[in-house]
């Protein structure tokens, strides 16, 4: 869904606004502690997010002390950022709801799109891209955890480190982002901002590289990449970022088992290892082989 006519600086400005929402709605919010709809609400509360939080669930009146609303359109005000925890079949209508409420972005924890390898999943993702473009709603995901921004009290897990640092991180995998924060914590690694972006349907690895290249809070950029949608665009963004600050890149799937894991998460794989390493090095970034090296 990326628009070739949208300049990188324009997209970076959009991402900056996404990282500073005045309000967040969680569609599919839940009072059940074993659900993502609970985790998102709880994490925002415990992390100290100061904006308005709107749980959306047609079968609840209150969730974690907050009034719940039957649908996004029932919110009393417009909302900046929407997190989807509803089934994939419901997301097309949700895009329209986002547009109606003035949302800048829709982050989809929701999965079962092209990453499944099934034709119907890919078709739904194509329709989602078309609907979001027409509605003017930016998409993070699908199949992702979303944003971590300690300074703004934004996290997808309540137990993430809260002390901000100076590394901006983009990761296709939410689990890998979580692993990096915990393994890196004892060694002093802290993040200014981080994003798990999953399938990268709309906002891609290239867009986030452009953003972190300009971000004053991020002195270093880290990237975990399982696959890329547009190799030329990615390498241009990587070179641009590496010309301004250090960039470290870890690619998923360096072993046969790793390829299978990466393939289950995103359908667009980055390609043969030697070619990848050479391209990353030529762009001026540092290619690493393991999480330990990355840290």
C-alpha atoms as a PDB file:
ATOM      1  CA  UNK A   1       0.000   0.000   0.000  1.00  0.00           C
ATOM      2  CA  UNK A   2       2.909   2.485   0.109  1.00  0.00           C
ATOM      3  CA  UNK A   3       2.259   5.497  -2.117  1.00  0.00           C
ATOM      4  CA  UNK A   4       5.241   6.199  -4.408  1.00  0.00           C
ATOM      5  CA  UNK A   5       4.202   9.856  -4.550  1.00  0.00           C
ATOM      6  CA  UNK A   6       4.560  10.316  -0.779  1.00  0.00           C
ATOM      7  CA  UNK A   7       8.012  11.701   0.075  1.00  0.00           C
ATOM      8  CA  UNK A   8       9.973  10.020   2.882  1.00  0.00           C
ATOM      9  CA  UNK A   9       9.927  13.210   4.985  1.00  0.00           C
ATOM     10  CA  UNK A  10       6.123  13.327   4.703  1.00  0.00           C
ATOM     11  CA  UNK A  11       5.835   9.724   5.879  1.00  0.00           C
ATOM     12  CA  UNK A  12       8.296  10.432   8.701  1.00  0.00           C
ATOM     13  CA  UNK A  13       6.047  13.284   9.843  1.00  0.00           C
ATOM     14  CA  UNK A  14       3.057  10.933   9.800  1.00  0.00           C
ATOM     15  CA  UNK A  15       4.953   8.355  11.881  1.00  0.00           C
ATOM     16  CA  UNK A  16       6.004  11.053  14.353  1.00  0.00           C
ATOM     17  CA  UNK A  17       2.339  11.932  14.838  1.00  0.00           C
ATOM     18  CA  UNK A  18       1.482   8.240  15.273  1.00  0.00           C
ATOM     19  CA  UNK A  19       4.027   8.019  18.108  1.00  0.00           C
ATOM     20  CA  UNK A  20       2.267  10.919  19.873  1.00  0.00           C
ATOM     21  CA  UNK A  21      -1.425   9.978  20.025  1.00  0.00           C
ATOM     22  CA  UNK A  22      -3.698  12.043  22.241  1.00  0.00           C
ATOM     23  CA  UNK A  23      -6.047   9.086  22.510  1.00  0.00           C
ATOM     24  CA  UNK A  24      -5.922   5.328  21.892  1.00  0.00           C
ATOM     25  CA  UNK A  25      -8.820   2.929  21.311  1.00  0.00           C
ATOM     26  CA  UNK A  26      -8.489  -0.833  21.731  1.00  0.00           C
ATOM     27  CA  UNK A  27     -11.091  -2.621  19.625  1.00  0.00           C
ATOM     28  CA  UNK A  28     -11.653  -6.084  21.009  1.00  0.00           C
ATOM     29  CA  UNK A  29     -10.733  -4.943  24.521  1.00  0.00           C
ATOM     30  CA  UNK A  30     -11.407  -7.520  27.200  1.00  0.00           C
ATOM     31  CA  UNK A  31     -11.529  -7.980  30.970  1.00  0.00           C
ATOM     32  CA  UNK A  32      -9.964 -11.435  30.541  1.00  0.00           C
ATOM     33  CA  UNK A  33      -6.275 -11.225  31.577  1.00  0.00           C
ATOM     34  CA  UNK A  34      -5.379 -13.978  29.096  1.00  0.00           C
ATOM     35  CA  UNK A  35      -6.269 -11.901  26.031  1.00  0.00           C
ATOM     36  CA  UNK A  36      -4.378  -9.272  24.020  1.00  0.00           C
ATOM     37  CA  UNK A  37      -7.362  -6.961  24.422  1.00  0.00           C
ATOM     38  CA  UNK A  38      -6.648  -6.917  28.151  1.00  0.00           C
ATOM     39  CA  UNK A  39      -2.870  -6.640  27.773  1.00  0.00           C
ATOM     40  CA  UNK A  40      -3.014  -3.496  25.649  1.00  0.00           C
ATOM     41  CA  UNK A  41      -5.303  -1.650  28.072  1.00  0.00           C
ATOM     42  CA  UNK A  42      -3.369  -2.816  31.135  1.00  0.00           C
ATOM     43  CA  UNK A  43      -0.001  -1.930  29.574  1.00  0.00           C
ATOM     44  CA  UNK A  44      -1.056   1.606  28.733  1.00  0.00           C
ATOM     45  CA  UNK A  45      -2.365   2.123  32.248  1.00  0.00           C
ATOM     46  CA  UNK A  46       0.685   0.667  34.006  1.00  0.00           C
ATOM     47  CA  UNK A  47       3.165   2.395  31.672  1.00  0.00           C
ATOM     48  CA  UNK A  48       1.600   5.754  32.526  1.00  0.00           C
ATOM     49  CA  UNK A  49       0.041   6.768  29.221  1.00  0.00           C
ATOM     50  CA  UNK A  50      -1.586  10.155  29.902  1.00  0.00           C
ATOM     51  CA  UNK A  51      -3.982  10.324  26.960  1.00  0.00           C
ATOM     52  CA  UNK A  52      -7.516   9.011  26.767  1.00  0.00           C
ATOM     53  CA  UNK A  53      -7.925   5.220  26.551  1.00  0.00           C
ATOM     54  CA  UNK A  54     -11.086   3.808  25.007  1.00  0.00           C
ATOM     55  CA  UNK A  55     -11.899   0.101  25.387  1.00  0.00           C
ATOM     56  CA  UNK A  56     -14.264  -1.060  22.629  1.00  0.00           C
ATOM     57  CA  UNK A  57     -16.363  -4.154  23.274  1.00  0.00           C
ATOM     58  CA  UNK A  58     -20.103  -4.466  22.574  1.00  0.00           C
ATOM     59  CA  UNK A  59     -20.564  -6.918  25.473  1.00  0.00           C
ATOM     60  CA  UNK A  60     -18.891  -4.903  28.238  1.00  0.00           C
ATOM     61  CA  UNK A  61     -19.817  -1.775  30.156  1.00  0.00           C
ATOM     62  CA  UNK A  62     -16.459  -1.339  31.878  1.00  0.00           C
ATOM     63  CA  UNK A  63     -12.962  -2.771  31.412  1.00  0.00           C
ATOM     64  CA  UNK A  64     -10.160  -2.169  33.922  1.00  0.00           C
ATOM     65  CA  UNK A  65     -12.037   0.751  35.396  1.00  0.00           C
ATOM     66  CA  UNK A  66     -12.649   2.449  32.052  1.00  0.00           C
ATOM     67  CA  UNK A  67     -16.059   2.837  30.398  1.00  0.00           C
ATOM     68  CA  UNK A  68     -16.355   0.520  27.397  1.00  0.00           C
ATOM     69  CA  UNK A  69     -18.086   1.415  24.134  1.00  0.00           C
ATOM     70  CA  UNK A  70     -20.041  -0.867  21.777  1.00  0.00           C
ATOM     71  CA  UNK A  71     -18.163   0.276  18.654  1.00  0.00           C
ATOM     72  CA  UNK A  72     -15.531   2.750  17.568  1.00  0.00           C
ATOM     73  CA  UNK A  73     -18.225   5.017  16.142  1.00  0.00           C
ATOM     74  CA  UNK A  74     -19.801   5.245  19.610  1.00  0.00           C
ATOM     75  CA  UNK A  75     -16.784   7.008  21.118  1.00  0.00           C
ATOM     76  CA  UNK A  76     -17.617  10.489  22.448  1.00  0.00           C
ATOM     77  CA  UNK A  77     -14.645  12.073  20.642  1.00  0.00           C
ATOM     78  CA  UNK A  78     -12.352  11.456  17.733  1.00  0.00           C
ATOM     79  CA  UNK A  79      -9.445   9.081  18.349  1.00  0.00           C
ATOM     80  CA  UNK A  80      -5.865   9.260  17.074  1.00  0.00           C
ATOM     81  CA  UNK A  81      -4.665   5.656  17.246  1.00  0.00           C
ATOM     82  CA  UNK A  82      -6.634   2.409  17.072  1.00  0.00           C
ATOM     83  CA  UNK A  83      -5.419  -1.069  18.059  1.00  0.00           C
ATOM     84  CA  UNK A  84      -7.283  -4.014  16.554  1.00  0.00           C
ATOM     85  CA  UNK A  85      -7.672  -7.260  18.503  1.00  0.00           C
ATOM     86  CA  UNK A  86     -10.679  -8.449  16.505  1.00  0.00           C
ATOM     87  CA  UNK A  87     -10.797 -11.296  13.949  1.00  0.00           C
ATOM     88  CA  UNK A  88      -9.481 -10.663  10.451  1.00  0.00           C
ATOM     89  CA  UNK A  89     -12.973 -10.781   8.960  1.00  0.00           C
ATOM     90  CA  UNK A  90     -13.897  -7.625  10.902  1.00  0.00           C
ATOM     91  CA  UNK A  91     -11.029  -5.358   9.873  1.00  0.00           C
ATOM     92  CA  UNK A  92     -12.453  -3.951   6.631  1.00  0.00           C
ATOM     93  CA  UNK A  93     -15.395  -2.443   8.475  1.00  0.00           C
ATOM     94  CA  UNK A  94     -13.008  -1.292  11.196  1.00  0.00           C
ATOM     95  CA  UNK A  95     -11.029   0.732   8.641  1.00  0.00           C
ATOM     96  CA  UNK A  96     -14.207   2.626   7.753  1.00  0.00           C
ATOM     97  CA  UNK A  97     -14.885   3.196  11.452  1.00  0.00           C
ATOM     98  CA  UNK A  98     -11.364   4.574  11.882  1.00  0.00           C
ATOM     99  CA  UNK A  99     -11.906   7.037   9.057  1.00  0.00           C
ATOM    100  CA  UNK A 100     -15.228   8.115  10.570  1.00  0.00           C
ATOM    101  CA  UNK A 101     -13.539   8.856  13.915  1.00  0.00           C
ATOM    102  CA  UNK A 102     -10.533  10.668  12.405  1.00  0.00           C
ATOM    103  CA  UNK A 103      -7.936   8.046  13.371  1.00  0.00           C
ATOM    104  CA  UNK A 104      -4.433   8.620  12.014  1.00  0.00           C
ATOM    105  CA  UNK A 105      -3.460   4.974  12.203  1.00  0.00           C
ATOM    106  CA  UNK A 106      -4.794   1.473  12.736  1.00  0.00           C
ATOM    107  CA  UNK A 107      -2.426  -1.051  14.295  1.00  0.00           C
ATOM    108  CA  UNK A 108      -3.435  -4.637  13.665  1.00  0.00           C
ATOM    109  CA  UNK A 109      -2.513  -7.231  16.247  1.00  0.00           C
ATOM    110  CA  UNK A 110      -5.031  -9.150  14.140  1.00  0.00           C
ATOM    111  CA  UNK A 111      -3.366 -11.856  12.028  1.00  0.00           C
ATOM    112  CA  UNK A 112      -4.332 -14.495   9.414  1.00  0.00           C
ATOM    113  CA  UNK A 113      -3.503 -12.461   6.331  1.00  0.00           C
ATOM    114  CA  UNK A 114      -0.773 -13.086   3.722  1.00  0.00           C
ATOM    115  CA  UNK A 115       1.570 -14.608   6.340  1.00  0.00           C
ATOM    116  CA  UNK A 116      -0.604 -17.729   6.337  1.00  0.00           C
ATOM    117  CA  UNK A 117       0.412 -18.526   2.747  1.00  0.00           C
ATOM    118  CA  UNK A 118      -3.250 -19.038   1.897  1.00  0.00           C
ATOM    119  CA  UNK A 119      -4.916 -17.341  -1.048  1.00  0.00           C
ATOM    120  CA  UNK A 120      -7.837 -16.036   0.992  1.00  0.00           C
ATOM    121  CA  UNK A 121      -5.466 -14.426   3.491  1.00  0.00           C
ATOM    122  CA  UNK A 122      -3.548 -12.663   0.729  1.00  0.00           C
ATOM    123  CA  UNK A 123      -6.785 -11.513  -0.868  1.00  0.00           C
ATOM    124  CA  UNK A 124      -8.058 -10.078   2.407  1.00  0.00           C
ATOM    125  CA  UNK A 125      -4.762  -8.238   2.844  1.00  0.00           C
ATOM    126  CA  UNK A 126      -5.099  -6.795  -0.677  1.00  0.00           C
ATOM    127  CA  UNK A 127      -8.623  -5.586   0.091  1.00  0.00           C
ATOM    128  CA  UNK A 128      -7.436  -4.140   3.397  1.00  0.00           C
ATOM    129  CA  UNK A 129      -4.738  -2.166   1.589  1.00  0.00           C
ATOM    130  CA  UNK A 130      -7.249  -0.771  -0.894  1.00  0.00           C
ATOM    131  CA  UNK A 131      -9.753   0.144   1.814  1.00  0.00           C
ATOM    132  CA  UNK A 132      -7.149   1.844   4.008  1.00  0.00           C
ATOM    133  CA  UNK A 133      -5.703   3.828   1.106  1.00  0.00           C
ATOM    134  CA  UNK A 134      -9.162   5.035   0.110  1.00  0.00           C
ATOM    135  CA  UNK A 135      -9.969   5.952   3.709  1.00  0.00           C
ATOM    136  CA  UNK A 136      -6.659   7.742   4.334  1.00  0.00           C
ATOM    137  CA  UNK A 137      -5.826   5.527   7.329  1.00  0.00           C
ATOM    138  CA  UNK A 138      -2.239   4.371   7.836  1.00  0.00           C
ATOM    139  CA  UNK A 139      -1.757   0.708   8.777  1.00  0.00           C
ATOM    140  CA  UNK A 140       0.827  -0.783  11.131  1.00  0.00           C
ATOM    141  CA  UNK A 141       0.819  -4.539  10.601  1.00  0.00           C
ATOM    142  CA  UNK A 142      -1.126  -6.688  10.305  1.00  0.00           C
ATOM    143  CA  UNK A 143       0.196  -9.462  12.541  1.00  0.00           C
ATOM    144  CA  UNK A 144       2.172  -7.198  14.866  1.00  0.00           C
ATOM    145  CA  UNK A 145       2.502  -5.908  18.434  1.00  0.00           C
ATOM    146  CA  UNK A 146       2.785  -2.205  17.609  1.00  0.00           C
ATOM    147  CA  UNK A 147       4.526   0.610  19.472  1.00  0.00           C
ATOM    148  CA  UNK A 148       6.915   0.903  22.394  1.00  0.00           C
ATOM    149  CA  UNK A 149       7.602   4.492  23.464  1.00  0.00           C
ATOM    150  CA  UNK A 150       8.594   4.784  27.131  1.00  0.00           C
ATOM    151  CA  UNK A 151       8.616   8.599  27.185  1.00  0.00           C
ATOM    152  CA  UNK A 152       4.961   8.635  26.138  1.00  0.00           C
ATOM    153  CA  UNK A 153       3.888   5.715  28.326  1.00  0.00           C
ATOM    154  CA  UNK A 154       3.081   3.525  25.322  1.00  0.00           C
ATOM    155  CA  UNK A 155       3.772  -0.209  25.349  1.00  0.00           C
ATOM    156  CA  UNK A 156       2.184  -3.469  24.248  1.00  0.00           C
ATOM    157  CA  UNK A 157       3.345  -5.245  27.424  1.00  0.00           C
ATOM    158  CA  UNK A 158       3.300  -3.938  30.965  1.00  0.00           C
ATOM    159  CA  UNK A 159       6.610  -5.610  31.847  1.00  0.00           C
ATOM    160  CA  UNK A 160       8.708  -3.918  29.161  1.00  0.00           C
ATOM    161  CA  UNK A 161      11.614  -1.735  30.392  1.00  0.00           C
ATOM    162  CA  UNK A 162      10.372   1.792  31.130  1.00  0.00           C
ATOM    163  CA  UNK A 163      13.687   3.644  31.118  1.00  0.00           C
ATOM    164  CA  UNK A 164      14.146   5.300  27.709  1.00  0.00           C
ATOM    165  CA  UNK A 165      17.414   5.031  25.809  1.00  0.00           C
ATOM    166  CA  UNK A 166      18.839   6.218  22.504  1.00  0.00           C
ATOM    167  CA  UNK A 167      18.247   3.284  20.130  1.00  0.00           C
ATOM    168  CA  UNK A 168      15.326   3.320  17.736  1.00  0.00           C
ATOM    169  CA  UNK A 169      14.238  -0.200  16.786  1.00  0.00           C
ATOM    170  CA  UNK A 170      12.100  -1.555  13.977  1.00  0.00           C
ATOM    171  CA  UNK A 171      11.237  -5.224  14.131  1.00  0.00           C
ATOM    172  CA  UNK A 172       8.981  -7.377  12.034  1.00  0.00           C
ATOM    173  CA  UNK A 173       8.598  -9.684  15.015  1.00  0.00           C
ATOM    174  CA  UNK A 174       7.048  -8.579  18.284  1.00  0.00           C
ATOM    175  CA  UNK A 175       8.582 -11.551  20.076  1.00  0.00           C
ATOM    176  CA  UNK A 176      12.040 -10.592  18.854  1.00  0.00           C
ATOM    177  CA  UNK A 177      11.527  -7.022  20.013  1.00  0.00           C
ATOM    178  CA  UNK A 178      10.576  -8.376  23.421  1.00  0.00           C
ATOM    179  CA  UNK A 179      13.652 -10.646  23.462  1.00  0.00           C
ATOM    180  CA  UNK A 180      15.997  -7.792  22.552  1.00  0.00           C
ATOM    181  CA  UNK A 181      14.685  -5.575  25.334  1.00  0.00           C
ATOM    182  CA  UNK A 182      15.133  -8.274  27.967  1.00  0.00           C
ATOM    183  CA  UNK A 183      18.474  -9.664  26.863  1.00  0.00           C
ATOM    184  CA  UNK A 184      19.819  -6.181  26.218  1.00  0.00           C
ATOM    185  CA  UNK A 185      18.555  -4.693  29.480  1.00  0.00           C
ATOM    186  CA  UNK A 186      21.303  -6.061  31.748  1.00  0.00           C
ATOM    187  CA  UNK A 187      23.870  -4.710  29.263  1.00  0.00           C
ATOM    188  CA  UNK A 188      22.455  -1.217  29.299  1.00  0.00           C
ATOM    189  CA  UNK A 189      20.530  -1.411  26.022  1.00  0.00           C
ATOM    190  CA  UNK A 190      17.518   0.921  26.145  1.00  0.00           C
ATOM    191  CA  UNK A 191      15.176   2.046  23.396  1.00  0.00           C
ATOM    192  CA  UNK A 192      14.021   5.540  22.537  1.00  0.00           C
ATOM    193  CA  UNK A 193      11.175   4.148  20.467  1.00  0.00           C
ATOM    194  CA  UNK A 194      10.448   0.764  18.924  1.00  0.00           C
ATOM    195  CA  UNK A 195       7.875  -0.648  16.558  1.00  0.00           C
ATOM    196  CA  UNK A 196       6.811  -4.180  15.703  1.00  0.00           C
ATOM    197  CA  UNK A 197       5.290  -3.853  12.226  1.00  0.00           C
ATOM    198  CA  UNK A 198       4.520  -7.434  11.178  1.00  0.00           C
ATOM    199  CA  UNK A 199       3.558  -7.893   7.532  1.00  0.00           C
ATOM    200  CA  UNK A 200       4.348  -4.270   6.665  1.00  0.00           C
ATOM    201  CA  UNK A 201       1.252  -3.918   4.522  1.00  0.00           C
ATOM    202  CA  UNK A 202       1.400  -0.114   4.501  1.00  0.00           C
ATOM    203  CA  UNK A 203       4.134   1.355   6.673  1.00  0.00           C
ATOM    204  CA  UNK A 204       7.199  -0.728   5.852  1.00  0.00           C
ATOM    205  CA  UNK A 205      10.744  -1.239   7.056  1.00  0.00           C
ATOM    206  CA  UNK A 206      11.857   1.494   4.631  1.00  0.00           C
ATOM    207  CA  UNK A 207       9.378   3.988   6.085  1.00  0.00           C
ATOM    208  CA  UNK A 208      10.528   3.299   9.640  1.00  0.00           C
ATOM    209  CA  UNK A 209      14.185   3.568   8.618  1.00  0.00           C
ATOM    210  CA  UNK A 210      13.446   6.983   7.109  1.00  0.00           C
ATOM    211  CA  UNK A 211      11.710   7.971  10.324  1.00  0.00           C
ATOM    212  CA  UNK A 212      14.431   6.824  12.707  1.00  0.00           C
ATOM    213  CA  UNK A 213      17.068   8.494  10.520  1.00  0.00           C
ATOM    214  CA  UNK A 214      15.410  11.833  11.315  1.00  0.00           C
ATOM    215  CA  UNK A 215      14.358  11.075  14.902  1.00  0.00           C
ATOM    216  CA  UNK A 216      16.287  13.267  17.340  1.00  0.00           C
ATOM    217  CA  UNK A 217      15.670  10.837  20.209  1.00  0.00           C
ATOM    218  CA  UNK A 218      17.370   7.943  18.377  1.00  0.00           C
ATOM    219  CA  UNK A 219      21.159   8.126  18.098  1.00  0.00           C
ATOM    220  CA  UNK A 220      21.421   4.530  16.858  1.00  0.00           C
ATOM    221  CA  UNK A 221      19.018   2.471  14.736  1.00  0.00           C
ATOM    222  CA  UNK A 222      18.455  -1.261  15.059  1.00  0.00           C
ATOM    223  CA  UNK A 223      16.454  -3.363  12.624  1.00  0.00           C
ATOM    224  CA  UNK A 224      15.224  -6.937  12.696  1.00  0.00           C
ATOM    225  CA  UNK A 225      14.144  -7.897   9.180  1.00  0.00           C
ATOM    226  CA  UNK A 226      12.503 -11.128   8.078  1.00  0.00           C
ATOM    227  CA  UNK A 227      11.521  -9.939   4.630  1.00  0.00           C
ATOM    228  CA  UNK A 228      11.301  -6.869   2.432  1.00  0.00           C
ATOM    229  CA  UNK A 229       8.586  -5.797   0.015  1.00  0.00           C
ATOM    230  CA  UNK A 230      10.688  -3.445  -2.152  1.00  0.00           C
ATOM    231  CA  UNK A 231      14.420  -4.151  -2.161  1.00  0.00           C
ATOM    232  CA  UNK A 232      15.477  -0.968  -3.946  1.00  0.00           C
ATOM    233  CA  UNK A 233      13.396   1.252  -1.673  1.00  0.00           C
ATOM    234  CA  UNK A 234      14.675  -0.576   1.407  1.00  0.00           C
ATOM    235  CA  UNK A 235      18.345  -0.218   0.456  1.00  0.00           C
ATOM    236  CA  UNK A 236      17.907   3.477  -0.338  1.00  0.00           C
ATOM    237  CA  UNK A 237      16.320   4.042   3.068  1.00  0.00           C
ATOM    238  CA  UNK A 238      19.027   1.958   4.756  1.00  0.00           C
ATOM    239  CA  UNK A 239      21.795   3.955   3.069  1.00  0.00           C
ATOM    240  CA  UNK A 240      20.104   7.212   4.000  1.00  0.00           C
ATOM    241  CA  UNK A 241      19.830   6.211   7.637  1.00  0.00           C
ATOM    242  CA  UNK A 242      23.376   4.817   7.787  1.00  0.00           C
ATOM    243  CA  UNK A 243      24.739   8.102   6.421  1.00  0.00           C
ATOM    244  CA  UNK A 244      23.323   9.906   9.459  1.00  0.00           C
ATOM    245  CA  UNK A 245      23.794   7.467  12.348  1.00  0.00           C
ATOM    246  CA  UNK A 246      24.942   3.886  13.084  1.00  0.00           C
ATOM    247  CA  UNK A 247      22.513   1.205  11.857  1.00  0.00           C
ATOM    248  CA  UNK A 248      22.643  -2.459  12.923  1.00  0.00           C
ATOM    249  CA  UNK A 249      20.635  -5.031  10.948  1.00  0.00           C
ATOM    250  CA  UNK A 250      19.732  -8.549  12.032  1.00  0.00           C
ATOM    251  CA  UNK A 251      17.935 -10.713   9.481  1.00  0.00           C
ATOM    252  CA  UNK A 252      15.695 -13.568  10.555  1.00  0.00           C
ATOM    253  CA  UNK A 253      15.977 -17.036   9.092  1.00  0.00           C
ATOM    254  CA  UNK A 254      19.738 -17.545   8.906  1.00  0.00           C
ATOM    255  CA  UNK A 255      19.331 -21.267   9.576  1.00  0.00           C
ATOM    256  CA  UNK A 256      16.911 -23.765   8.045  1.00  0.00           C
ATOM    257  CA  UNK A 257      14.851 -23.679  11.241  1.00  0.00           C
ATOM    258  CA  UNK A 258      15.072 -19.904  11.273  1.00  0.00           C
ATOM    259  CA  UNK A 259      13.779 -19.673   7.718  1.00  0.00           C
ATOM    260  CA  UNK A 260      10.769 -21.768   8.704  1.00  0.00           C
ATOM    261  CA  UNK A 261      10.108 -19.525  11.699  1.00  0.00           C
ATOM    262  CA  UNK A 262      10.463 -16.395   9.614  1.00  0.00           C
ATOM    263  CA  UNK A 263       8.260 -17.809   6.884  1.00  0.00           C
ATOM    264  CA  UNK A 264       5.497 -18.407   9.401  1.00  0.00           C
ATOM    265  CA  UNK A 265       5.601 -14.738  10.350  1.00  0.00           C
ATOM    266  CA  UNK A 266       5.953 -12.946   7.035  1.00  0.00           C
ATOM    267  CA  UNK A 267       5.636 -14.221   3.506  1.00  0.00           C
ATOM    268  CA  UNK A 268       8.224 -11.900   1.885  1.00  0.00           C
ATOM    269  CA  UNK A 269      11.655 -13.312   2.725  1.00  0.00           C
ATOM    270  CA  UNK A 270      14.815 -11.275   2.369  1.00  0.00           C
ATOM    271  CA  UNK A 271      16.718 -13.718   0.168  1.00  0.00           C
ATOM    272  CA  UNK A 272      20.057 -15.482   0.063  1.00  0.00           C
ATOM    273  CA  UNK A 273      22.405 -14.674   2.897  1.00  0.00           C
ATOM    274  CA  UNK A 274      25.574 -13.661   1.062  1.00  0.00           C
ATOM    275  CA  UNK A 275      23.693 -11.289  -1.222  1.00  0.00           C
ATOM    276  CA  UNK A 276      21.874  -9.788   1.748  1.00  0.00           C
ATOM    277  CA  UNK A 277      25.049  -9.233   3.785  1.00  0.00           C
ATOM    278  CA  UNK A 278      26.816  -7.593   0.854  1.00  0.00           C
ATOM    279  CA  UNK A 279      23.908  -5.261   0.154  1.00  0.00           C
ATOM    280  CA  UNK A 280      23.570  -4.211   3.811  1.00  0.00           C
ATOM    281  CA  UNK A 281      27.321  -3.580   4.071  1.00  0.00           C
ATOM    282  CA  UNK A 282      27.377  -1.583   0.837  1.00  0.00           C
ATOM    283  CA  UNK A 283      24.575   0.593   2.212  1.00  0.00           C
ATOM    284  CA  UNK A 284      26.840   1.468   5.140  1.00  0.00           C
ATOM    285  CA  UNK A 285      25.058  -0.543   7.840  1.00  0.00           C
ATOM    286  CA  UNK A 286      26.372  -3.357  10.030  1.00  0.00           C
ATOM    287  CA  UNK A 287      24.910  -6.813   9.320  1.00  0.00           C
ATOM    288  CA  UNK A 288      24.936  -9.178  12.305  1.00  0.00           C
ATOM    289  CA  UNK A 289      24.176 -12.881  12.564  1.00  0.00           C
ATOM    290  CA  UNK A 290      22.663 -13.354  16.028  1.00  0.00           C
ATOM    291  CA  UNK A 291      20.746 -11.596  18.783  1.00  0.00           C
ATOM    292  CA  UNK A 292      23.906 -11.728  20.912  1.00  0.00           C
ATOM    293  CA  UNK A 293      25.859  -9.871  18.215  1.00  0.00           C
ATOM    294  CA  UNK A 294      23.066  -7.345  17.851  1.00  0.00           C
ATOM    295  CA  UNK A 295      23.160  -6.531  21.553  1.00  0.00           C
END
